[in-house]
Amino acid sequence: MIDPLEHVRELATRARQEEAPRGHVSQKVILRLRRQPFALARPLTVFATLTGLLAATALLLTVYSMNSPAADALGAFFQVASLSNF
């Protein structure tokens, strides 16, 4: 019967024989990233700005409705509850 780890040992031997590619890939990548415009950042910026404006509007409406005497949050519930005779 063949040793189950024999295949792993064979792969390890082959991996040791291979040489890593030589070159300065990191410098090329950094230079390319510096040259490219931030095309993906613009839609995200617009989305974040619109989301912030929507959240600020919701906050202002909430604060305004809390200070308004006509906006009693439980008023409608108590009116409905008083109509039912349990």
PDB file of N, CA and C in Angstrom:
ATOM      1  N   MET A   1       0.836  -1.167   0.000  1.00  0.00           N
ATOM      2  CA  MET A   1       0.000   0.000   0.000  1.00  0.00           C
ATOM      3  C   MET A   1       0.896   1.251   0.000  1.00  0.00           C
ATOM      4  N   ILE A   2       0.497   2.259  -0.762  1.00  0.00           N
ATOM      5  CA  ILE A   2       1.281   3.489  -0.893  1.00  0.00           C
ATOM      6  C   ILE A   2       1.008   4.369   0.313  1.00  0.00           C
ATOM      7  N   ASP A   3       2.082   5.000   0.794  1.00  0.00           N
ATOM      8  CA  ASP A   3       1.964   5.928   1.927  1.00  0.00           C
ATOM      9  C   ASP A   3       1.108   7.123   1.510  1.00  0.00           C
ATOM     10  N   PRO A   4       0.083   7.500   2.291  1.00  0.00           N
ATOM     11  CA  PRO A   4      -0.784   8.619   1.903  1.00  0.00           C
ATOM     12  C   PRO A   4      -0.049   9.953   1.829  1.00  0.00           C
ATOM     13  N   LEU A   5       1.041  10.087   2.548  1.00  0.00           N
ATOM     14  CA  LEU A   5       1.785  11.346   2.528  1.00  0.00           C
ATOM     15  C   LEU A   5       2.829  11.397   1.415  1.00  0.00           C
ATOM     16  N   GLU A   6       2.966  10.309   0.662  1.00  0.00           N
ATOM     17  CA  GLU A   6       3.953  10.276  -0.419  1.00  0.00           C
ATOM     18  C   GLU A   6       3.641  11.336  -1.474  1.00  0.00           C
ATOM     19  N   HIS A   7       2.375  11.495  -1.791  1.00  0.00           N
ATOM     20  CA  HIS A   7       1.974  12.499  -2.778  1.00  0.00           C
ATOM     21  C   HIS A   7       2.314  13.907  -2.280  1.00  0.00           C
ATOM     22  N   VAL A   8       2.111  14.149  -1.003  1.00  0.00           N
ATOM     23  CA  VAL A   8       2.431  15.461  -0.425  1.00  0.00           C
ATOM     24  C   VAL A   8       3.938  15.702  -0.455  1.00  0.00           C
ATOM     25  N   ARG A   9       4.706  14.687  -0.150  1.00  0.00           N
ATOM     26  CA  ARG A   9       6.178  14.821  -0.193  1.00  0.00           C
ATOM     27  C   ARG A   9       6.664  15.112  -1.606  1.00  0.00           C
ATOM     28  N   GLU A  10       6.029  14.457  -2.590  1.00  0.00           N
ATOM     29  CA  GLU A  10       6.395  14.696  -3.988  1.00  0.00           C
ATOM     30  C   GLU A  10       6.081  16.144  -4.394  1.00  0.00           C
ATOM     31  N   LEU A  11       4.929  16.636  -3.978  1.00  0.00           N
ATOM     32  CA  LEU A  11       4.586  18.032  -4.268  1.00  0.00           C
ATOM     33  C   LEU A  11       5.555  18.999  -3.587  1.00  0.00           C
ATOM     34  N   ALA A  12       5.930  18.699  -2.354  1.00  0.00           N
ATOM     35  CA  ALA A  12       6.877  19.561  -1.640  1.00  0.00           C
ATOM     36  C   ALA A  12       8.228  19.571  -2.331  1.00  0.00           C
ATOM     37  N   THR A  13       8.664  18.440  -2.844  1.00  0.00           N
ATOM     38  CA  THR A  13       9.947  18.365  -3.560  1.00  0.00           C
ATOM     39  C   THR A  13       9.888  19.201  -4.829  1.00  0.00           C
ATOM     40  N   ARG A  14       8.782  19.111  -5.555  1.00  0.00           N
ATOM     41  CA  ARG A  14       8.641  19.918  -6.773  1.00  0.00           C
ATOM     42  C   ARG A  14       8.585  21.414  -6.451  1.00  0.00           C
ATOM     43  N   ALA A  15       7.922  21.755  -5.358  1.00  0.00           N
ATOM     44  CA  ALA A  15       7.817  23.167  -4.985  1.00  0.00           C
ATOM     45  C   ALA A  15       9.172  23.743  -4.617  1.00  0.00           C
ATOM     46  N   ARG A  16      10.023  22.955  -4.006  1.00  0.00           N
ATOM     47  CA  ARG A  16      11.364  23.439  -3.652  1.00  0.00           C
ATOM     48  C   ARG A  16      12.232  23.671  -4.893  1.00  0.00           C
ATOM     49  N   GLN A  17      11.954  22.952  -5.965  1.00  0.00           N
ATOM     50  CA  GLN A  17      12.746  23.083  -7.181  1.00  0.00           C
ATOM     51  C   GLN A  17      12.373  24.319  -7.980  1.00  0.00           C
ATOM     52  N   GLU A  18      11.149  24.827  -7.786  1.00  0.00           N
ATOM     53  CA  GLU A  18      10.723  25.996  -8.548  1.00  0.00           C
ATOM     54  C   GLU A  18      11.375  27.256  -8.000  1.00  0.00           C
ATOM     55  N   GLU A  19      11.611  28.184  -8.920  1.00  0.00           N
ATOM     56  CA  GLU A  19      12.164  29.472  -8.520  1.00  0.00           C
ATOM     57  C   GLU A  19      11.097  30.537  -8.654  1.00  0.00           C
ATOM     58  N   ALA A  20      11.122  31.446  -7.728  1.00  0.00           N
ATOM     59  CA  ALA A  20      10.158  32.546  -7.760  1.00  0.00           C
ATOM     60  C   ALA A  20      10.529  33.508  -8.882  1.00  0.00           C
ATOM     61  N   PRO A  21       9.538  34.106  -9.524  1.00  0.00           N
ATOM     62  CA  PRO A  21       9.853  35.062 -10.585  1.00  0.00           C
ATOM     63  C   PRO A  21      10.571  36.282 -10.017  1.00  0.00           C
ATOM     64  N   ARG A  22      11.514  36.768 -10.784  1.00  0.00           N
ATOM     65  CA  ARG A  22      12.283  37.927 -10.333  1.00  0.00           C
ATOM     66  C   ARG A  22      11.760  39.176 -11.025  1.00  0.00           C
ATOM     67  N   GLY A  23      11.819  40.254 -10.326  1.00  0.00           N
ATOM     68  CA  GLY A  23      11.356  41.518 -10.883  1.00  0.00           C
ATOM     69  C   GLY A  23      10.790  42.398  -9.780  1.00  0.00           C
ATOM     70  N   HIS A  24      10.576  43.620 -10.131  1.00  0.00           N
ATOM     71  CA  HIS A  24      10.053  44.585  -9.174  1.00  0.00           C
ATOM     72  C   HIS A  24       8.619  44.933  -9.547  1.00  0.00           C
ATOM     73  N   VAL A  25       7.753  43.996  -9.268  1.00  0.00           N
ATOM     74  CA  VAL A  25       6.355  44.170  -9.615  1.00  0.00           C
ATOM     75  C   VAL A  25       5.720  45.225  -8.718  1.00  0.00           C
ATOM     76  N   SER A  26       6.130  45.280  -7.469  1.00  0.00           N
ATOM     77  CA  SER A  26       5.489  46.204  -6.533  1.00  0.00           C
ATOM     78  C   SER A  26       5.663  47.658  -6.969  1.00  0.00           C
ATOM     79  N   GLN A  27       6.820  48.005  -7.486  1.00  0.00           N
ATOM     80  CA  GLN A  27       7.042  49.378  -7.942  1.00  0.00           C
ATOM     81  C   GLN A  27       6.131  49.708  -9.121  1.00  0.00           C
ATOM     82  N   LYS A  28       5.963  48.770 -10.026  1.00  0.00           N
ATOM     83  CA  LYS A  28       5.097  49.001 -11.185  1.00  0.00           C
ATOM     84  C   LYS A  28       3.644  49.172 -10.744  1.00  0.00           C
ATOM     85  N   VAL A  29       3.221  48.390  -9.781  1.00  0.00           N
ATOM     86  CA  VAL A  29       1.847  48.494  -9.296  1.00  0.00           C
ATOM     87  C   VAL A  29       1.620  49.834  -8.613  1.00  0.00           C
ATOM     88  N   ILE A  30       2.550  50.259  -7.792  1.00  0.00           N
ATOM     89  CA  ILE A  30       2.421  51.544  -7.102  1.00  0.00           C
ATOM     90  C   ILE A  30       2.386  52.692  -8.109  1.00  0.00           C
ATOM     91  N   LEU A  31       3.236  52.638  -9.109  1.00  0.00           N
ATOM     92  CA  LEU A  31       3.225  53.695 -10.129  1.00  0.00           C
ATOM     93  C   LEU A  31       1.905  53.708 -10.900  1.00  0.00           C
ATOM     94  N   ARG A  32       1.381  52.545 -11.197  1.00  0.00           N
ATOM     95  CA  ARG A  32       0.111  52.487 -11.929  1.00  0.00           C
ATOM     96  C   ARG A  32      -1.034  53.013 -11.069  1.00  0.00           C
ATOM     97  N   LEU A  33      -1.033  52.695  -9.792  1.00  0.00           N
ATOM     98  CA  LEU A  33      -2.080  53.195  -8.907  1.00  0.00           C
ATOM     99  C   LEU A  33      -2.014  54.711  -8.756  1.00  0.00           C
ATOM    100  N   ARG A  34      -0.816  55.264  -8.769  1.00  0.00           N
ATOM    101  CA  ARG A  34      -0.676  56.718  -8.652  1.00  0.00           C
ATOM    102  C   ARG A  34      -1.140  57.439  -9.916  1.00  0.00           C
ATOM    103  N   ARG A  35      -1.009  56.798 -11.047  1.00  0.00           N
ATOM    104  CA  ARG A  35      -1.387  57.435 -12.312  1.00  0.00           C
ATOM    105  C   ARG A  35      -2.885  57.365 -12.564  1.00  0.00           C
ATOM    106  N   GLN A  36      -3.548  56.326 -12.103  1.00  0.00           N
ATOM    107  CA  GLN A  36      -4.977  56.137 -12.383  1.00  0.00           C
ATOM    108  C   GLN A  36      -5.819  57.128 -11.571  1.00  0.00           C
ATOM    109  N   PRO A  37      -6.802  57.732 -12.214  1.00  0.00           N
ATOM    110  CA  PRO A  37      -7.712  58.606 -11.457  1.00  0.00           C
ATOM    111  C   PRO A  37      -8.633  57.758 -10.577  1.00  0.00           C
ATOM    112  N   PHE A  38      -9.139  58.383  -9.566  1.00  0.00           N
ATOM    113  CA  PHE A  38     -10.011  57.666  -8.646  1.00  0.00           C
ATOM    114  C   PHE A  38     -11.436  57.660  -9.191  1.00  0.00           C
ATOM    115  N   ALA A  39     -11.654  56.848 -10.204  1.00  0.00           N
ATOM    116  CA  ALA A  39     -12.957  56.787 -10.860  1.00  0.00           C
ATOM    117  C   ALA A  39     -13.992  56.108  -9.970  1.00  0.00           C
ATOM    118  N   LEU A  40     -13.569  55.171  -9.159  1.00  0.00           N
ATOM    119  CA  LEU A  40     -14.510  54.468  -8.303  1.00  0.00           C
ATOM    120  C   LEU A  40     -14.892  55.285  -7.076  1.00  0.00           C
ATOM    121  N   ALA A  41     -14.092  56.256  -6.710  1.00  0.00           N
ATOM    122  CA  ALA A  41     -14.382  57.036  -5.512  1.00  0.00           C
ATOM    123  C   ALA A  41     -15.514  58.024  -5.746  1.00  0.00           C
ATOM    124  N   ARG A  42     -15.704  58.490  -6.947  1.00  0.00           N
ATOM    125  CA  ARG A  42     -16.726  59.497  -7.223  1.00  0.00           C
ATOM    126  C   ARG A  42     -18.147  58.977  -6.967  1.00  0.00           C
ATOM    127  N   PRO A  43     -18.554  57.811  -7.474  1.00  0.00           N
ATOM    128  CA  PRO A  43     -19.907  57.337  -7.169  1.00  0.00           C
ATOM    129  C   PRO A  43     -20.119  57.080  -5.671  1.00  0.00           C
ATOM    130  N   LEU A  44     -19.089  56.594  -5.002  1.00  0.00           N
ATOM    131  CA  LEU A  44     -19.225  56.352  -3.572  1.00  0.00           C
ATOM    132  C   LEU A  44     -19.366  57.661  -2.802  1.00  0.00           C
ATOM    133  N   THR A  45     -18.668  58.693  -3.251  1.00  0.00           N
ATOM    134  CA  THR A  45     -18.775  59.996  -2.607  1.00  0.00           C
ATOM    135  C   THR A  45     -20.174  60.576  -2.795  1.00  0.00           C
ATOM    136  N   VAL A  46     -20.703  60.464  -3.992  1.00  0.00           N
ATOM    137  CA  VAL A  46     -22.063  60.954  -4.257  1.00  0.00           C
ATOM    138  C   VAL A  46     -23.072  60.178  -3.417  1.00  0.00           C
ATOM    139  N   PHE A  47     -22.925  58.876  -3.351  1.00  0.00           N
ATOM    140  CA  PHE A  47     -23.833  58.051  -2.565  1.00  0.00           C
ATOM    141  C   PHE A  47     -23.759  58.408  -1.085  1.00  0.00           C
ATOM    142  N   ALA A  48     -22.552  58.590  -0.570  1.00  0.00           N
ATOM    143  CA  ALA A  48     -22.395  58.940   0.844  1.00  0.00           C
ATOM    144  C   ALA A  48     -22.977  60.320   1.138  1.00  0.00           C
ATOM    145  N   THR A  49     -22.800  61.264   0.223  1.00  0.00           N
ATOM    146  CA  THR A  49     -23.349  62.606   0.419  1.00  0.00           C
ATOM    147  C   THR A  49     -24.868  62.576   0.427  1.00  0.00           C
ATOM    148  N   LEU A  50     -25.463  61.872  -0.518  1.00  0.00           N
ATOM    149  CA  LEU A  50     -26.918  61.771  -0.571  1.00  0.00           C
ATOM    150  C   LEU A  50     -27.478  61.055   0.655  1.00  0.00           C
ATOM    151  N   THR A  51     -26.798  60.035   1.104  1.00  0.00           N
ATOM    152  CA  THR A  51     -27.236  59.322   2.291  1.00  0.00           C
ATOM    153  C   THR A  51     -27.165  60.215   3.523  1.00  0.00           C
ATOM    154  N   GLY A  52     -26.109  61.000   3.630  1.00  0.00           N
ATOM    155  CA  GLY A  52     -25.980  61.929   4.751  1.00  0.00           C
ATOM    156  C   GLY A  52     -27.069  62.995   4.730  1.00  0.00           C
ATOM    157  N   LEU A  53     -27.367  63.520   3.542  1.00  0.00           N
ATOM    158  CA  LEU A  53     -28.437  64.511   3.433  1.00  0.00           C
ATOM    159  C   LEU A  53     -29.792  63.916   3.806  1.00  0.00           C
ATOM    160  N   LEU A  54     -30.044  62.696   3.389  1.00  0.00           N
ATOM    161  CA  LEU A  54     -31.292  62.027   3.728  1.00  0.00           C
ATOM    162  C   LEU A  54     -31.396  61.790   5.239  1.00  0.00           C
ATOM    163  N   ALA A  55     -30.300  61.383   5.849  1.00  0.00           N
ATOM    164  CA  ALA A  55     -30.307  61.151   7.294  1.00  0.00           C
ATOM    165  C   ALA A  55     -30.511  62.468   8.051  1.00  0.00           C
ATOM    166  N   ALA A  56     -29.876  63.542   7.587  1.00  0.00           N
ATOM    167  CA  ALA A  56     -30.051  64.844   8.241  1.00  0.00           C
ATOM    168  C   ALA A  56     -31.488  65.324   8.099  1.00  0.00           C
ATOM    169  N   THR A  57     -32.095  65.123   6.944  1.00  0.00           N
ATOM    170  CA  THR A  57     -33.488  65.512   6.739  1.00  0.00           C
ATOM    171  C   THR A  57     -34.412  64.709   7.646  1.00  0.00           C
ATOM    172  N   ALA A  58     -34.174  63.424   7.757  1.00  0.00           N
ATOM    173  CA  ALA A  58     -34.990  62.582   8.636  1.00  0.00           C
ATOM    174  C   ALA A  58     -34.835  63.018  10.093  1.00  0.00           C
ATOM    175  N   LEU A  59     -33.633  63.369  10.485  1.00  0.00           N
ATOM    176  CA  LEU A  59     -33.392  63.836  11.852  1.00  0.00           C
ATOM    177  C   LEU A  59     -34.129  65.140  12.120  1.00  0.00           C
ATOM    178  N   LEU A  60     -34.064  66.073  11.174  1.00  0.00           N
ATOM    179  CA  LEU A  60     -34.762  67.347  11.342  1.00  0.00           C
ATOM    180  C   LEU A  60     -36.269  67.151  11.420  1.00  0.00           C
ATOM    181  N   LEU A  61     -36.811  66.292  10.575  1.00  0.00           N
ATOM    182  CA  LEU A  61     -38.243  66.029  10.631  1.00  0.00           C
ATOM    183  C   LEU A  61     -38.647  65.372  11.944  1.00  0.00           C
ATOM    184  N   THR A  62     -37.813  64.502  12.445  1.00  0.00           N
ATOM    185  CA  THR A  62     -38.102  63.838  13.721  1.00  0.00           C
ATOM    186  C   THR A  62     -38.086  64.837  14.861  1.00  0.00           C
ATOM    187  N   VAL A  63     -37.067  65.682  14.896  1.00  0.00           N
ATOM    188  CA  VAL A  63     -36.977  66.680  15.956  1.00  0.00           C
ATOM    189  C   VAL A  63     -38.150  67.656  15.867  1.00  0.00           C
ATOM    190  N   TYR A  64     -38.510  68.072  14.675  1.00  0.00           N
ATOM    191  CA  TYR A  64     -39.632  68.994  14.498  1.00  0.00           C
ATOM    192  C   TYR A  64     -40.939  68.346  14.951  1.00  0.00           C
ATOM    193  N   SER A  65     -41.148  67.081  14.592  1.00  0.00           N
ATOM    194  CA  SER A  65     -42.397  66.424  14.965  1.00  0.00           C
ATOM    195  C   SER A  65     -42.464  66.131  16.460  1.00  0.00           C
ATOM    196  N   MET A  66     -41.332  65.951  17.102  1.00  0.00           N
ATOM    197  CA  MET A  66     -41.329  65.725  18.550  1.00  0.00           C
ATOM    198  C   MET A  66     -41.714  67.002  19.290  1.00  0.00           C
ATOM    199  N   ASN A  67     -41.350  68.155  18.774  1.00  0.00           N
ATOM    200  CA  ASN A  67     -41.645  69.421  19.422  1.00  0.00           C
ATOM    201  C   ASN A  67     -43.045  69.935  19.083  1.00  0.00           C
ATOM    202  N   SER A  68     -43.679  69.338  18.103  1.00  0.00           N
ATOM    203  CA  SER A  68     -45.003  69.776  17.692  1.00  0.00           C
ATOM    204  C   SER A  68     -46.058  69.137  18.607  1.00  0.00           C
ATOM    205  N   PRO A  69     -46.998  69.949  19.171  1.00  0.00           N
ATOM    206  CA  PRO A  69     -48.019  69.360  20.051  1.00  0.00           C
ATOM    207  C   PRO A  69     -49.031  68.508  19.285  1.00  0.00           C
ATOM    208  N   ALA A  70     -49.147  68.699  17.985  1.00  0.00           N
ATOM    209  CA  ALA A  70     -50.106  67.927  17.197  1.00  0.00           C
ATOM    210  C   ALA A  70     -49.604  66.530  16.884  1.00  0.00           C
ATOM    211  N   ALA A  71     -48.368  66.265  17.118  1.00  0.00           N
ATOM    212  CA  ALA A  71     -47.783  64.974  16.749  1.00  0.00           C
ATOM    213  C   ALA A  71     -47.615  64.088  17.974  1.00  0.00           C
ATOM    214  N   ASP A  72     -48.710  63.811  18.641  1.00  0.00           N
ATOM    215  CA  ASP A  72     -48.671  62.909  19.791  1.00  0.00           C
ATOM    216  C   ASP A  72     -48.565  61.481  19.270  1.00  0.00           C
ATOM    217  N   ALA A  73     -47.503  60.809  19.601  1.00  0.00           N
ATOM    218  CA  ALA A  73     -47.232  59.493  19.034  1.00  0.00           C
ATOM    219  C   ALA A  73     -48.252  58.448  19.461  1.00  0.00           C
ATOM    220  N   LEU A  74     -48.735  58.519  20.690  1.00  0.00           N
ATOM    221  CA  LEU A  74     -49.666  57.510  21.179  1.00  0.00           C
ATOM    222  C   LEU A  74     -51.119  57.982  21.166  1.00  0.00           C
ATOM    223  N   GLY A  75     -51.358  59.187  20.673  1.00  0.00           N
ATOM    224  CA  GLY A  75     -52.713  59.728  20.670  1.00  0.00           C
ATOM    225  C   GLY A  75     -53.679  58.882  19.872  1.00  0.00           C
ATOM    226  N   ALA A  76     -53.301  58.478  18.690  1.00  0.00           N
ATOM    227  CA  ALA A  76     -54.184  57.657  17.852  1.00  0.00           C
ATOM    228  C   ALA A  76     -54.435  56.303  18.506  1.00  0.00           C
ATOM    229  N   PHE A  77     -53.430  55.746  19.138  1.00  0.00           N
ATOM    230  CA  PHE A  77     -53.603  54.450  19.802  1.00  0.00           C
ATOM    231  C   PHE A  77     -54.621  54.552  20.932  1.00  0.00           C
ATOM    232  N   PHE A  78     -54.504  55.601  21.745  1.00  0.00           N
ATOM    233  CA  PHE A  78     -55.439  55.760  22.864  1.00  0.00           C
ATOM    234  C   PHE A  78     -56.856  56.036  22.372  1.00  0.00           C
ATOM    235  N   GLN A  79     -57.008  56.723  21.249  1.00  0.00           N
ATOM    236  CA  GLN A  79     -58.345  56.952  20.705  1.00  0.00           C
ATOM    237  C   GLN A  79     -58.992  55.644  20.268  1.00  0.00           C
ATOM    238  N   VAL A  80     -58.227  54.798  19.609  1.00  0.00           N
ATOM    239  CA  VAL A  80     -58.750  53.511  19.161  1.00  0.00           C
ATOM    240  C   VAL A  80     -59.028  52.611  20.358  1.00  0.00           C
ATOM    241  N   ALA A  81     -58.131  52.625  21.336  1.00  0.00           N
ATOM    242  CA  ALA A  81     -58.306  51.780  22.518  1.00  0.00           C
ATOM    243  C   ALA A  81     -59.513  52.201  23.336  1.00  0.00           C
ATOM    244  N   SER A  82     -59.823  53.479  23.375  1.00  0.00           N
ATOM    245  CA  SER A  82     -60.977  53.929  24.157  1.00  0.00           C
ATOM    246  C   SER A  82     -62.288  53.582  23.473  1.00  0.00           C
ATOM    247  N   LEU A  83     -62.278  53.318  22.174  1.00  0.00           N
ATOM    248  CA  LEU A  83     -63.499  52.961  21.461  1.00  0.00           C
ATOM    249  C   LEU A  83     -63.916  51.522  21.728  1.00  0.00           C
ATOM    250  N   SER A  84     -62.972  50.687  21.976  1.00  0.00           N
ATOM    251  CA  SER A  84     -63.295  49.267  22.216  1.00  0.00           C
ATOM    252  C   SER A  84     -63.645  49.082  23.682  1.00  0.00           C
ATOM    253  N   ASN A  85     -64.723  48.359  23.940  1.00  0.00           N
ATOM    254  CA  ASN A  85     -65.173  48.109  25.312  1.00  0.00           C
ATOM    255  C   ASN A  85     -64.916  46.666  25.670  1.00  0.00           C
ATOM    256  N   PHE A  86     -63.768  46.391  26.196  1.00  0.00           N
ATOM    257  CA  PHE A  86     -63.428  45.005  26.563  1.00  0.00           C
ATOM    258  C   PHE A  86     -63.812  44.753  27.969  1.00  0.00           C
TER     259      PHE A  86
END
